[in-house]
Amino acid sequence: MLDAARAKHCQLIATEELLAELTDVLSRPKFARALAQLGETPYSIIEFGYRSLVEVVEAKKINPVVIDDPDDDQLIACAVGGNAHYIVSGDHHLLSIGTYQNIKLITIRDFLEIIVI
């Protein structure tokens, strides 16, 4: 997916809140150790790598969608705010929705078949 974004086959979007959450996740011990071995930090990965590939958008206010995992609503709100065509995820809560306001929720495998790299 990151290679597809680098090659301009797709545009990634995120909110500042999602970027902060990703930084927090990468700060967990299981990731921090691996990053340290590469000479990277969660901050460097986000600020000097991932952020250059994403368009930061404002999330739109939405009614609750993902009842079983309300935190996933942040992703849908980001997609609506960024006028996305797809949400690419492996999360079964999101994938079970199928479509939200014409935004298709699909797996990475399905997305890579669509963009045909």
PDB file of N, CA and C in Angstrom:
ATOM      1  N   MET A   1       0.821  -1.183   0.000  1.00  0.00           N
ATOM      2  CA  MET A   1       0.000   0.000   0.000  1.00  0.00           C
ATOM      3  C   MET A   1       0.874   1.259   0.000  1.00  0.00           C
ATOM      4  N   LEU A   2       1.916   1.242   0.838  1.00  0.00           N
ATOM      5  CA  LEU A   2       2.796   2.408   0.874  1.00  0.00           C
ATOM      6  C   LEU A   2       3.523   2.583  -0.449  1.00  0.00           C
ATOM      7  N   ASP A   3       3.919   1.473  -1.066  1.00  0.00           N
ATOM      8  CA  ASP A   3       4.559   1.557  -2.374  1.00  0.00           C
ATOM      9  C   ASP A   3       3.602   2.129  -3.412  1.00  0.00           C
ATOM     10  N   ALA A   4       2.330   1.753  -3.335  1.00  0.00           N
ATOM     11  CA  ALA A   4       1.324   2.276  -4.264  1.00  0.00           C
ATOM     12  C   ALA A   4       1.167   3.780  -4.073  1.00  0.00           C
ATOM     13  N   ALA A   5       1.197   4.233  -2.842  1.00  0.00           N
ATOM     14  CA  ALA A   5       1.091   5.674  -2.571  1.00  0.00           C
ATOM     15  C   ALA A   5       2.329   6.412  -3.069  1.00  0.00           C
ATOM     16  N   ARG A   6       3.501   5.831  -2.838  1.00  0.00           N
ATOM     17  CA  ARG A   6       4.740   6.458  -3.320  1.00  0.00           C
ATOM     18  C   ARG A   6       4.739   6.589  -4.841  1.00  0.00           C
ATOM     19  N   ALA A   7       4.178   5.585  -5.510  1.00  0.00           N
ATOM     20  CA  ALA A   7       4.115   5.585  -6.975  1.00  0.00           C
ATOM     21  C   ALA A   7       2.923   6.378  -7.501  1.00  0.00           C
ATOM     22  N   LYS A   8       2.178   7.009  -6.601  1.00  0.00           N
ATOM     23  CA  LYS A   8       1.016   7.850  -6.951  1.00  0.00           C
ATOM     24  C   LYS A   8      -0.121   7.048  -7.590  1.00  0.00           C
ATOM     25  N   HIS A   9      -0.213   5.750  -7.226  1.00  0.00           N
ATOM     26  CA  HIS A   9      -1.333   4.933  -7.694  1.00  0.00           C
ATOM     27  C   HIS A   9      -2.571   5.163  -6.840  1.00  0.00           C
ATOM     28  N   CYS A  10      -2.363   5.736  -5.657  1.00  0.00           N
ATOM     29  CA  CYS A  10      -3.477   6.050  -4.771  1.00  0.00           C
ATOM     30  C   CYS A  10      -3.049   7.184  -3.848  1.00  0.00           C
ATOM     31  N   GLN A  11      -4.025   7.809  -3.216  1.00  0.00           N
ATOM     32  CA  GLN A  11      -3.759   8.879  -2.249  1.00  0.00           C
ATOM     33  C   GLN A  11      -4.231   8.399  -0.886  1.00  0.00           C
ATOM     34  N   LEU A  12      -3.330   8.378   0.075  1.00  0.00           N
ATOM     35  CA  LEU A  12      -3.685   8.014   1.441  1.00  0.00           C
ATOM     36  C   LEU A  12      -4.164   9.253   2.173  1.00  0.00           C
ATOM     37  N   ILE A  13      -5.141   9.082   3.062  1.00  0.00           N
ATOM     38  CA  ILE A  13      -5.599  10.185   3.890  1.00  0.00           C
ATOM     39  C   ILE A  13      -5.590   9.756   5.349  1.00  0.00           C
ATOM     40  N   ALA A  14      -5.487  10.728   6.236  1.00  0.00           N
ATOM     41  CA  ALA A  14      -5.535  10.481   7.681  1.00  0.00           C
ATOM     42  C   ALA A  14      -5.920  11.783   8.365  1.00  0.00           C
ATOM     43  N   THR A  15      -6.356  11.672   9.582  1.00  0.00           N
ATOM     44  CA  THR A  15      -6.571  12.846  10.418  1.00  0.00           C
ATOM     45  C   THR A  15      -5.389  12.955  11.380  1.00  0.00           C
ATOM     46  N   GLU A  16      -5.231  14.094  11.994  1.00  0.00           N
ATOM     47  CA  GLU A  16      -4.178  14.250  13.004  1.00  0.00           C
ATOM     48  C   GLU A  16      -4.391  13.253  14.141  1.00  0.00           C
ATOM     49  N   GLU A  17      -5.653  12.996  14.484  1.00  0.00           N
ATOM     50  CA  GLU A  17      -5.962  12.050  15.558  1.00  0.00           C
ATOM     51  C   GLU A  17      -5.514  10.629  15.184  1.00  0.00           C
ATOM     52  N   LEU A  18      -5.734  10.240  13.948  1.00  0.00           N
ATOM     53  CA  LEU A  18      -5.306   8.908  13.512  1.00  0.00           C
ATOM     54  C   LEU A  18      -3.787   8.801  13.458  1.00  0.00           C
ATOM     55  N   LEU A  19      -3.122   9.869  13.055  1.00  0.00           N
ATOM     56  CA  LEU A  19      -1.655   9.861  13.058  1.00  0.00           C
ATOM     57  C   LEU A  19      -1.122   9.740  14.484  1.00  0.00           C
ATOM     58  N   ALA A  20      -1.764  10.442  15.425  1.00  0.00           N
ATOM     59  CA  ALA A  20      -1.351  10.347  16.828  1.00  0.00           C
ATOM     60  C   ALA A  20      -1.574   8.933  17.361  1.00  0.00           C
ATOM     61  N   GLU A  21      -2.686   8.327  16.996  1.00  0.00           N
ATOM     62  CA  GLU A  21      -2.960   6.956  17.426  1.00  0.00           C
ATOM     63  C   GLU A  21      -1.932   5.991  16.851  1.00  0.00           C
ATOM     64  N   LEU A  22      -1.563   6.173  15.597  1.00  0.00           N
ATOM     65  CA  LEU A  22      -0.554   5.312  14.980  1.00  0.00           C
ATOM     66  C   LEU A  22       0.793   5.473  15.685  1.00  0.00           C
ATOM     67  N   THR A  23       1.129   6.689  16.053  1.00  0.00           N
ATOM     68  CA  THR A  23       2.365   6.927  16.806  1.00  0.00           C
ATOM     69  C   THR A  23       2.321   6.183  18.134  1.00  0.00           C
ATOM     70  N   ASP A  24       1.178   6.235  18.815  1.00  0.00           N
ATOM     71  CA  ASP A  24       1.023   5.514  20.084  1.00  0.00           C
ATOM     72  C   ASP A  24       1.183   4.011  19.889  1.00  0.00           C
ATOM     73  N   VAL A  25       0.572   3.472  18.854  1.00  0.00           N
ATOM     74  CA  VAL A  25       0.670   2.036  18.589  1.00  0.00           C
ATOM     75  C   VAL A  25       2.119   1.648  18.309  1.00  0.00           C
ATOM     76  N   LEU A  26       2.804   2.441  17.502  1.00  0.00           N
ATOM     77  CA  LEU A  26       4.202   2.140  17.188  1.00  0.00           C
ATOM     78  C   LEU A  26       5.119   2.285  18.399  1.00  0.00           C
ATOM     79  N   SER A  27       4.635   2.963  19.437  1.00  0.00           N
ATOM     80  CA  SER A  27       5.410   3.134  20.669  1.00  0.00           C
ATOM     81  C   SER A  27       5.308   1.926  21.591  1.00  0.00           C
ATOM     82  N   ARG A  28       4.424   0.999  21.284  1.00  0.00           N
ATOM     83  CA  ARG A  28       4.300  -0.203  22.109  1.00  0.00           C
ATOM     84  C   ARG A  28       5.588  -1.004  22.021  1.00  0.00           C
ATOM     85  N   PRO A  29       5.933  -1.672  23.120  1.00  0.00           N
ATOM     86  CA  PRO A  29       7.220  -2.395  23.167  1.00  0.00           C
ATOM     87  C   PRO A  29       7.473  -3.314  21.982  1.00  0.00           C
ATOM     88  N   LYS A  30       6.464  -4.024  21.502  1.00  0.00           N
ATOM     89  CA  LYS A  30       6.705  -4.978  20.409  1.00  0.00           C
ATOM     90  C   LYS A  30       7.136  -4.292  19.117  1.00  0.00           C
ATOM     91  N   PHE A  31       6.750  -3.037  18.924  1.00  0.00           N
ATOM     92  CA  PHE A  31       7.177  -2.289  17.740  1.00  0.00           C
ATOM     93  C   PHE A  31       8.402  -1.433  18.034  1.00  0.00           C
ATOM     94  N   ALA A  32       8.451  -0.838  19.206  1.00  0.00           N
ATOM     95  CA  ALA A  32       9.541   0.080  19.546  1.00  0.00           C
ATOM     96  C   ALA A  32      10.900  -0.620  19.474  1.00  0.00           C
ATOM     97  N   ARG A  33      10.971  -1.864  19.926  1.00  0.00           N
ATOM     98  CA  ARG A  33      12.242  -2.598  19.867  1.00  0.00           C
ATOM     99  C   ARG A  33      12.696  -2.803  18.422  1.00  0.00           C
ATOM    100  N   ALA A  34      11.763  -3.200  17.567  1.00  0.00           N
ATOM    101  CA  ALA A  34      12.107  -3.425  16.155  1.00  0.00           C
ATOM    102  C   ALA A  34      12.530  -2.119  15.494  1.00  0.00           C
ATOM    103  N   LEU A  35      11.826  -1.039  15.794  1.00  0.00           N
ATOM    104  CA  LEU A  35      12.188   0.258  15.225  1.00  0.00           C
ATOM    105  C   LEU A  35      13.566   0.701  15.703  1.00  0.00           C
ATOM    106  N   ALA A  36      13.845   0.476  16.982  1.00  0.00           N
ATOM    107  CA  ALA A  36      15.150   0.867  17.528  1.00  0.00           C
ATOM    108  C   ALA A  36      16.277   0.121  16.817  1.00  0.00           C
ATOM    109  N   GLN A  37      16.047  -1.140  16.486  1.00  0.00           N
ATOM    110  CA  GLN A  37      17.067  -1.907  15.760  1.00  0.00           C
ATOM    111  C   GLN A  37      17.324  -1.327  14.375  1.00  0.00           C
ATOM    112  N   LEU A  38      16.319  -0.663  13.822  1.00  0.00           N
ATOM    113  CA  LEU A  38      16.470  -0.010  12.515  1.00  0.00           C
ATOM    114  C   LEU A  38      16.969   1.423  12.642  1.00  0.00           C
ATOM    115  N   GLY A  39      17.166   1.881  13.882  1.00  0.00           N
ATOM    116  CA  GLY A  39      17.586   3.261  14.101  1.00  0.00           C
ATOM    117  C   GLY A  39      16.446   4.254  13.919  1.00  0.00           C
ATOM    118  N   GLU A  40      15.236   3.782  14.082  1.00  0.00           N
ATOM    119  CA  GLU A  40      14.052   4.628  13.911  1.00  0.00           C
ATOM    120  C   GLU A  40      13.302   4.731  15.225  1.00  0.00           C
ATOM    121  N   THR A  41      12.432   5.717  15.294  1.00  0.00           N
ATOM    122  CA  THR A  41      11.516   5.880  16.423  1.00  0.00           C
ATOM    123  C   THR A  41      10.106   5.982  15.855  1.00  0.00           C
ATOM    124  N   PRO A  42       9.108   5.781  16.679  1.00  0.00           N
ATOM    125  CA  PRO A  42       7.741   5.994  16.178  1.00  0.00           C
ATOM    126  C   PRO A  42       7.572   7.389  15.569  1.00  0.00           C
ATOM    127  N   TYR A  43       8.153   8.380  16.217  1.00  0.00           N
ATOM    128  CA  TYR A  43       8.055   9.751  15.717  1.00  0.00           C
ATOM    129  C   TYR A  43       8.703   9.876  14.335  1.00  0.00           C
ATOM    130  N   SER A  44       9.890   9.328  14.157  1.00  0.00           N
ATOM    131  CA  SER A  44      10.580   9.467  12.866  1.00  0.00           C
ATOM    132  C   SER A  44       9.828   8.745  11.755  1.00  0.00           C
ATOM    133  N   ILE A  45       9.264   7.588  12.072  1.00  0.00           N
ATOM    134  CA  ILE A  45       8.498   6.845  11.063  1.00  0.00           C
ATOM    135  C   ILE A  45       7.296   7.668  10.594  1.00  0.00           C
ATOM    136  N   ILE A  46       6.584   8.259  11.546  1.00  0.00           N
ATOM    137  CA  ILE A  46       5.390   9.036  11.192  1.00  0.00           C
ATOM    138  C   ILE A  46       5.777  10.359  10.550  1.00  0.00           C
ATOM    139  N   GLU A  47       6.610  11.121  11.213  1.00  0.00           N
ATOM    140  CA  GLU A  47       6.884  12.495  10.765  1.00  0.00           C
ATOM    141  C   GLU A  47       7.752  12.585   9.513  1.00  0.00           C
ATOM    142  N   PHE A  48       8.656  11.664   9.326  1.00  0.00           N
ATOM    143  CA  PHE A  48       9.572  11.755   8.185  1.00  0.00           C
ATOM    144  C   PHE A  48       9.314  10.693   7.124  1.00  0.00           C
ATOM    145  N   GLY A  49       8.317   9.874   7.347  1.00  0.00           N
ATOM    146  CA  GLY A  49       7.985   8.839   6.378  1.00  0.00           C
ATOM    147  C   GLY A  49       6.519   8.880   6.001  1.00  0.00           C
ATOM    148  N   TYR A  50       5.705   8.377   6.900  1.00  0.00           N
ATOM    149  CA  TYR A  50       4.282   8.214   6.608  1.00  0.00           C
ATOM    150  C   TYR A  50       3.585   9.544   6.310  1.00  0.00           C
ATOM    151  N   ARG A  51       3.887  10.582   7.082  1.00  0.00           N
ATOM    152  CA  ARG A  51       3.211  11.872   6.893  1.00  0.00           C
ATOM    153  C   ARG A  51       3.432  12.434   5.488  1.00  0.00           C
ATOM    154  N   SER A  52       4.561  12.129   4.881  1.00  0.00           N
ATOM    155  CA  SER A  52       4.838  12.631   3.531  1.00  0.00           C
ATOM    156  C   SER A  52       3.954  11.954   2.484  1.00  0.00           C
ATOM    157  N   LEU A  53       3.354  10.823   2.852  1.00  0.00           N
ATOM    158  CA  LEU A  53       2.520  10.084   1.912  1.00  0.00           C
ATOM    159  C   LEU A  53       1.029  10.347   2.082  1.00  0.00           C
ATOM    160  N   VAL A  54       0.641  10.971   3.178  1.00  0.00           N
ATOM    161  CA  VAL A  54      -0.787  11.151   3.442  1.00  0.00           C
ATOM    162  C   VAL A  54      -1.207  12.607   3.294  1.00  0.00           C
ATOM    163  N   GLU A  55      -2.451  12.744   2.923  1.00  0.00           N
ATOM    164  CA  GLU A  55      -3.101  14.056   2.964  1.00  0.00           C
ATOM    165  C   GLU A  55      -3.861  14.092   4.282  1.00  0.00           C
ATOM    166  N   VAL A  56      -3.554  15.075   5.114  1.00  0.00           N
ATOM    167  CA  VAL A  56      -4.239  15.193   6.391  1.00  0.00           C
ATOM    168  C   VAL A  56      -5.557  15.926   6.148  1.00  0.00           C
ATOM    169  N   VAL A  57      -6.647  15.291   6.591  1.00  0.00           N
ATOM    170  CA  VAL A  57      -7.992  15.833   6.382  1.00  0.00           C
ATOM    171  C   VAL A  57      -8.689  16.008   7.725  1.00  0.00           C
ATOM    172  N   GLU A  58      -9.775  16.740   7.706  1.00  0.00           N
ATOM    173  CA  GLU A  58     -10.629  16.888   8.882  1.00  0.00           C
ATOM    174  C   GLU A  58     -11.712  15.823   8.827  1.00  0.00           C
ATOM    175  N   ALA A  59     -11.891  15.124   9.918  1.00  0.00           N
ATOM    176  CA  ALA A  59     -12.950  14.118   9.987  1.00  0.00           C
ATOM    177  C   ALA A  59     -14.314  14.810   9.974  1.00  0.00           C
ATOM    178  N   LYS A  60     -15.273  14.169   9.349  1.00  0.00           N
ATOM    179  CA  LYS A  60     -16.655  14.650   9.373  1.00  0.00           C
ATOM    180  C   LYS A  60     -17.365  14.032  10.565  1.00  0.00           C
ATOM    181  N   LYS A  61     -18.262  14.765  11.130  1.00  0.00           N
ATOM    182  CA  LYS A  61     -19.090  14.238  12.217  1.00  0.00           C
ATOM    183  C   LYS A  61     -20.060  13.226  11.614  1.00  0.00           C
ATOM    184  N   ILE A  62     -20.070  12.014  12.180  1.00  0.00           N
ATOM    185  CA  ILE A  62     -20.978  10.976  11.702  1.00  0.00           C
ATOM    186  C   ILE A  62     -21.705  10.360  12.897  1.00  0.00           C
ATOM    187  N   ASN A  63     -22.822   9.770  12.630  1.00  0.00           N
ATOM    188  CA  ASN A  63     -23.511   8.993  13.652  1.00  0.00           C
ATOM    189  C   ASN A  63     -22.751   7.691  13.851  1.00  0.00           C
ATOM    190  N   PRO A  64     -22.894   7.067  15.016  1.00  0.00           N
ATOM    191  CA  PRO A  64     -22.201   5.794  15.244  1.00  0.00           C
ATOM    192  C   PRO A  64     -22.522   4.774  14.150  1.00  0.00           C
ATOM    193  N   VAL A  65     -21.489   4.085  13.703  1.00  0.00           N
ATOM    194  CA  VAL A  65     -21.620   3.102  12.626  1.00  0.00           C
ATOM    195  C   VAL A  65     -21.195   1.716  13.103  1.00  0.00           C
ATOM    196  N   VAL A  66     -20.010   1.640  13.700  1.00  0.00           N
ATOM    197  CA  VAL A  66     -19.440   0.354  14.094  1.00  0.00           C
ATOM    198  C   VAL A  66     -19.800   0.099  15.563  1.00  0.00           C
ATOM    199  N   ILE A  67     -20.912  -0.534  15.770  1.00  0.00           N
ATOM    200  CA  ILE A  67     -21.431  -0.746  17.118  1.00  0.00           C
ATOM    201  C   ILE A  67     -20.486  -1.606  17.958  1.00  0.00           C
ATOM    202  N   ASP A  68     -19.900  -2.649  17.374  1.00  0.00           N
ATOM    203  CA  ASP A  68     -19.028  -3.564  18.116  1.00  0.00           C
ATOM    204  C   ASP A  68     -17.647  -2.991  18.419  1.00  0.00           C
ATOM    205  N   ASP A  69     -17.248  -1.933  17.728  1.00  0.00           N
ATOM    206  CA  ASP A  69     -15.932  -1.316  17.954  1.00  0.00           C
ATOM    207  C   ASP A  69     -16.029   0.174  17.602  1.00  0.00           C
ATOM    208  N   PRO A  70     -16.608   0.979  18.497  1.00  0.00           N
ATOM    209  CA  PRO A  70     -16.842   2.402  18.205  1.00  0.00           C
ATOM    210  C   PRO A  70     -15.600   3.198  17.806  1.00  0.00           C
ATOM    211  N   ASP A  71     -14.405   2.760  18.230  1.00  0.00           N
ATOM    212  CA  ASP A  71     -13.184   3.469  17.822  1.00  0.00           C
ATOM    213  C   ASP A  71     -12.995   3.442  16.311  1.00  0.00           C
ATOM    214  N   ASP A  72     -13.541   2.427  15.647  1.00  0.00           N
ATOM    215  CA  ASP A  72     -13.421   2.333  14.195  1.00  0.00           C
ATOM    216  C   ASP A  72     -14.187   3.439  13.476  1.00  0.00           C
ATOM    217  N   ASP A  73     -15.123   4.066  14.172  1.00  0.00           N
ATOM    218  CA  ASP A  73     -15.858   5.178  13.559  1.00  0.00           C
ATOM    219  C   ASP A  73     -14.930   6.320  13.153  1.00  0.00           C
ATOM    220  N   GLN A  74     -13.782   6.442  13.838  1.00  0.00           N
ATOM    221  CA  GLN A  74     -12.803   7.480  13.463  1.00  0.00           C
ATOM    222  C   GLN A  74     -12.333   7.295  12.021  1.00  0.00           C
ATOM    223  N   LEU A  75     -12.140   6.052  11.614  1.00  0.00           N
ATOM    224  CA  LEU A  75     -11.691   5.771  10.255  1.00  0.00           C
ATOM    225  C   LEU A  75     -12.758   6.140   9.234  1.00  0.00           C
ATOM    226  N   ILE A  76     -13.993   5.829   9.566  1.00  0.00           N
ATOM    227  CA  ILE A  76     -15.094   6.170   8.656  1.00  0.00           C
ATOM    228  C   ILE A  76     -15.255   7.683   8.575  1.00  0.00           C
ATOM    229  N   ALA A  77     -15.162   8.366   9.712  1.00  0.00           N
ATOM    230  CA  ALA A  77     -15.277   9.825   9.729  1.00  0.00           C
ATOM    231  C   ALA A  77     -14.151  10.477   8.924  1.00  0.00           C
ATOM    232  N   CYS A  78     -12.961   9.901   8.984  1.00  0.00           N
ATOM    233  CA  CYS A  78     -11.831  10.381   8.183  1.00  0.00           C
ATOM    234  C   CYS A  78     -12.123  10.198   6.706  1.00  0.00           C
ATOM    235  N   ALA A  79     -12.609   9.007   6.340  1.00  0.00           N
ATOM    236  CA  ALA A  79     -12.902   8.725   4.930  1.00  0.00           C
ATOM    237  C   ALA A  79     -13.977   9.657   4.388  1.00  0.00           C
ATOM    238  N   VAL A  80     -15.000   9.912   5.179  1.00  0.00           N
ATOM    239  CA  VAL A  80     -16.065  10.839   4.748  1.00  0.00           C
ATOM    240  C   VAL A  80     -15.485  12.243   4.596  1.00  0.00           C
ATOM    241  N   GLY A  81     -14.697  12.682   5.577  1.00  0.00           N
ATOM    242  CA  GLY A  81     -14.096  14.014   5.519  1.00  0.00           C
ATOM    243  C   GLY A  81     -13.139  14.195   4.354  1.00  0.00           C
ATOM    244  N   GLY A  82     -12.473  13.112   3.976  1.00  0.00           N
ATOM    245  CA  GLY A  82     -11.510  13.175   2.875  1.00  0.00           C
ATOM    246  C   GLY A  82     -12.069  12.756   1.535  1.00  0.00           C
ATOM    247  N   ASN A  83     -13.390  12.567   1.463  1.00  0.00           N
ATOM    248  CA  ASN A  83     -14.047  12.147   0.217  1.00  0.00           C
ATOM    249  C   ASN A  83     -13.387  10.903  -0.385  1.00  0.00           C
ATOM    250  N   ALA A  84     -13.100   9.933   0.477  1.00  0.00           N
ATOM    251  CA  ALA A  84     -12.438   8.707   0.036  1.00  0.00           C
ATOM    252  C   ALA A  84     -13.387   7.825  -0.767  1.00  0.00           C
ATOM    253  N   HIS A  85     -12.798   7.011  -1.601  1.00  0.00           N
ATOM    254  CA  HIS A  85     -13.554   6.012  -2.348  1.00  0.00           C
ATOM    255  C   HIS A  85     -13.512   4.667  -1.638  1.00  0.00           C
ATOM    256  N   TYR A  86     -12.428   4.445  -0.876  1.00  0.00           N
ATOM    257  CA  TYR A  86     -12.227   3.163  -0.214  1.00  0.00           C
ATOM    258  C   TYR A  86     -11.692   3.364   1.197  1.00  0.00           C
ATOM    259  N   ILE A  87     -12.036   2.442   2.077  1.00  0.00           N
ATOM    260  CA  ILE A  87     -11.336   2.237   3.337  1.00  0.00           C
ATOM    261  C   ILE A  87     -10.724   0.853   3.201  1.00  0.00           C
ATOM    262  N   VAL A  88      -9.409   0.792   3.320  1.00  0.00           N
ATOM    263  CA  VAL A  88      -8.692  -0.475   3.161  1.00  0.00           C
ATOM    264  C   VAL A  88      -8.302  -0.946   4.560  1.00  0.00           C
ATOM    265  N   SER A  89      -8.760  -2.134   4.907  1.00  0.00           N
ATOM    266  CA  SER A  89      -8.568  -2.616   6.266  1.00  0.00           C
ATOM    267  C   SER A  89      -8.612  -4.129   6.319  1.00  0.00           C
ATOM    268  N   GLY A  90      -8.070  -4.666   7.394  1.00  0.00           N
ATOM    269  CA  GLY A  90      -8.213  -6.080   7.695  1.00  0.00           C
ATOM    270  C   GLY A  90      -9.155  -6.293   8.865  1.00  0.00           C
ATOM    271  N   ASP A  91      -9.703  -5.210   9.398  1.00  0.00           N
ATOM    272  CA  ASP A  91     -10.585  -5.259  10.563  1.00  0.00           C
ATOM    273  C   ASP A  91     -11.955  -5.797  10.166  1.00  0.00           C
ATOM    274  N   HIS A  92     -12.334  -6.916  10.765  1.00  0.00           N
ATOM    275  CA  HIS A  92     -13.611  -7.531  10.387  1.00  0.00           C
ATOM    276  C   HIS A  92     -14.815  -6.670  10.738  1.00  0.00           C
ATOM    277  N   HIS A  93     -14.698  -5.827  11.772  1.00  0.00           N
ATOM    278  CA  HIS A  93     -15.814  -4.932  12.108  1.00  0.00           C
ATOM    279  C   HIS A  93     -16.077  -3.955  10.956  1.00  0.00           C
ATOM    280  N   LEU A  94     -15.013  -3.419  10.396  1.00  0.00           N
ATOM    281  CA  LEU A  94     -15.161  -2.490   9.276  1.00  0.00           C
ATOM    282  C   LEU A  94     -15.588  -3.218   8.007  1.00  0.00           C
ATOM    283  N   LEU A  95     -14.929  -4.319   7.715  1.00  0.00           N
ATOM    284  CA  LEU A  95     -15.228  -5.039   6.475  1.00  0.00           C
ATOM    285  C   LEU A  95     -16.663  -5.531   6.433  1.00  0.00           C
ATOM    286  N   SER A  96     -17.236  -5.835   7.584  1.00  0.00           N
ATOM    287  CA  SER A  96     -18.610  -6.341   7.604  1.00  0.00           C
ATOM    288  C   SER A  96     -19.627  -5.279   7.187  1.00  0.00           C
ATOM    289  N   ILE A  97     -19.237  -4.022   7.232  1.00  0.00           N
ATOM    290  CA  ILE A  97     -20.138  -2.941   6.809  1.00  0.00           C
ATOM    291  C   ILE A  97     -20.307  -2.945   5.295  1.00  0.00           C
ATOM    292  N   GLY A  98     -19.236  -3.249   4.583  1.00  0.00           N
ATOM    293  CA  GLY A  98     -19.305  -3.328   3.122  1.00  0.00           C
ATOM    294  C   GLY A  98     -19.192  -1.985   2.431  1.00  0.00           C
ATOM    295  N   THR A  99     -20.155  -1.116   2.670  1.00  0.00           N
ATOM    296  CA  THR A  99     -20.165   0.219   2.059  1.00  0.00           C
ATOM    297  C   THR A  99     -20.786   1.206   3.038  1.00  0.00           C
ATOM    298  N   TYR A 100     -20.223   2.407   3.070  1.00  0.00           N
ATOM    299  CA  TYR A 100     -20.789   3.488   3.878  1.00  0.00           C
ATOM    300  C   TYR A 100     -20.738   4.757   3.042  1.00  0.00           C
ATOM    301  N   GLN A 101     -21.875   5.343   2.773  1.00  0.00           N
ATOM    302  CA  GLN A 101     -21.974   6.567   1.958  1.00  0.00           C
ATOM    303  C   GLN A 101     -21.112   6.461   0.689  1.00  0.00           C
ATOM    304  N   ASN A 102     -21.274   5.402  -0.034  1.00  0.00           N
ATOM    305  CA  ASN A 102     -20.550   5.128  -1.282  1.00  0.00           C
ATOM    306  C   ASN A 102     -19.049   4.885  -1.103  1.00  0.00           C
ATOM    307  N   ILE A 103     -18.599   4.734   0.132  1.00  0.00           N
ATOM    308  CA  ILE A 103     -17.206   4.383   0.404  1.00  0.00           C
ATOM    309  C   ILE A 103     -17.161   2.873   0.611  1.00  0.00           C
ATOM    310  N   LYS A 104     -16.374   2.191  -0.202  1.00  0.00           N
ATOM    311  CA  LYS A 104     -16.282   0.737  -0.098  1.00  0.00           C
ATOM    312  C   LYS A 104     -15.226   0.363   0.941  1.00  0.00           C
ATOM    313  N   LEU A 105     -15.564  -0.564   1.796  1.00  0.00           N
ATOM    314  CA  LEU A 105     -14.648  -1.069   2.810  1.00  0.00           C
ATOM    315  C   LEU A 105     -14.136  -2.419   2.328  1.00  0.00           C
ATOM    316  N   ILE A 106     -12.835  -2.478   2.010  1.00  0.00           N
ATOM    317  CA  ILE A 106     -12.270  -3.663   1.370  1.00  0.00           C
ATOM    318  C   ILE A 106     -10.925  -4.044   1.981  1.00  0.00           C
ATOM    319  N   THR A 107     -10.485  -5.250   1.664  1.00  0.00           N
ATOM    320  CA  THR A 107      -9.180  -5.721   2.132  1.00  0.00           C
ATOM    321  C   THR A 107      -8.066  -5.140   1.257  1.00  0.00           C
ATOM    322  N   ILE A 108      -6.850  -5.214   1.775  1.00  0.00           N
ATOM    323  CA  ILE A 108      -5.697  -4.746   0.999  1.00  0.00           C
ATOM    324  C   ILE A 108      -5.563  -5.551  -0.288  1.00  0.00           C
ATOM    325  N   ARG A 109      -5.793  -6.850  -0.206  1.00  0.00           N
ATOM    326  CA  ARG A 109      -5.706  -7.693  -1.408  1.00  0.00           C
ATOM    327  C   ARG A 109      -6.676  -7.214  -2.492  1.00  0.00           C
ATOM    328  N   ASP A 110      -7.917  -6.959  -2.094  1.00  0.00           N
ATOM    329  CA  ASP A 110      -8.914  -6.473  -3.057  1.00  0.00           C
ATOM    330  C   ASP A 110      -8.521  -5.109  -3.619  1.00  0.00           C
ATOM    331  N   PHE A 111      -7.989  -4.244  -2.757  1.00  0.00           N
ATOM    332  CA  PHE A 111      -7.593  -2.913  -3.217  1.00  0.00           C
ATOM    333  C   PHE A 111      -6.450  -2.994  -4.221  1.00  0.00           C
ATOM    334  N   LEU A 112      -5.464  -3.827  -3.927  1.00  0.00           N
ATOM    335  CA  LEU A 112      -4.328  -3.951  -4.848  1.00  0.00           C
ATOM    336  C   LEU A 112      -4.753  -4.513  -6.199  1.00  0.00           C
ATOM    337  N   GLU A 113      -5.776  -5.341  -6.206  1.00  0.00           N
ATOM    338  CA  GLU A 113      -6.310  -5.838  -7.486  1.00  0.00           C
ATOM    339  C   GLU A 113      -7.009  -4.720  -8.256  1.00  0.00           C
ATOM    340  N   ILE A 114      -7.639  -3.814  -7.538  1.00  0.00           N
ATOM    341  CA  ILE A 114      -8.350  -2.703  -8.185  1.00  0.00           C
ATOM    342  C   ILE A 114      -7.361  -1.731  -8.822  1.00  0.00           C
ATOM    343  N   ILE A 115      -6.296  -1.391  -8.107  1.00  0.00           N
ATOM    344  CA  ILE A 115      -5.380  -0.375  -8.642  1.00  0.00           C
ATOM    345  C   ILE A 115      -4.355  -0.971  -9.600  1.00  0.00           C
ATOM    346  N   VAL A 116      -4.241  -2.267  -9.675  1.00  0.00           N
ATOM    347  CA  VAL A 116      -3.376  -2.985 -10.605  1.00  0.00           C
ATOM    348  C   VAL A 116      -2.003  -2.313 -10.724  1.00  0.00           C
ATOM    349  N   ILE A 117      -1.204  -2.592  -9.743  1.00  0.00           N
ATOM    350  CA  ILE A 117       0.156  -2.019  -9.746  1.00  0.00           C
ATOM    351  C   ILE A 117       1.032  -2.797 -10.701  1.00  0.00           C
TER     352      ILE A 117
END
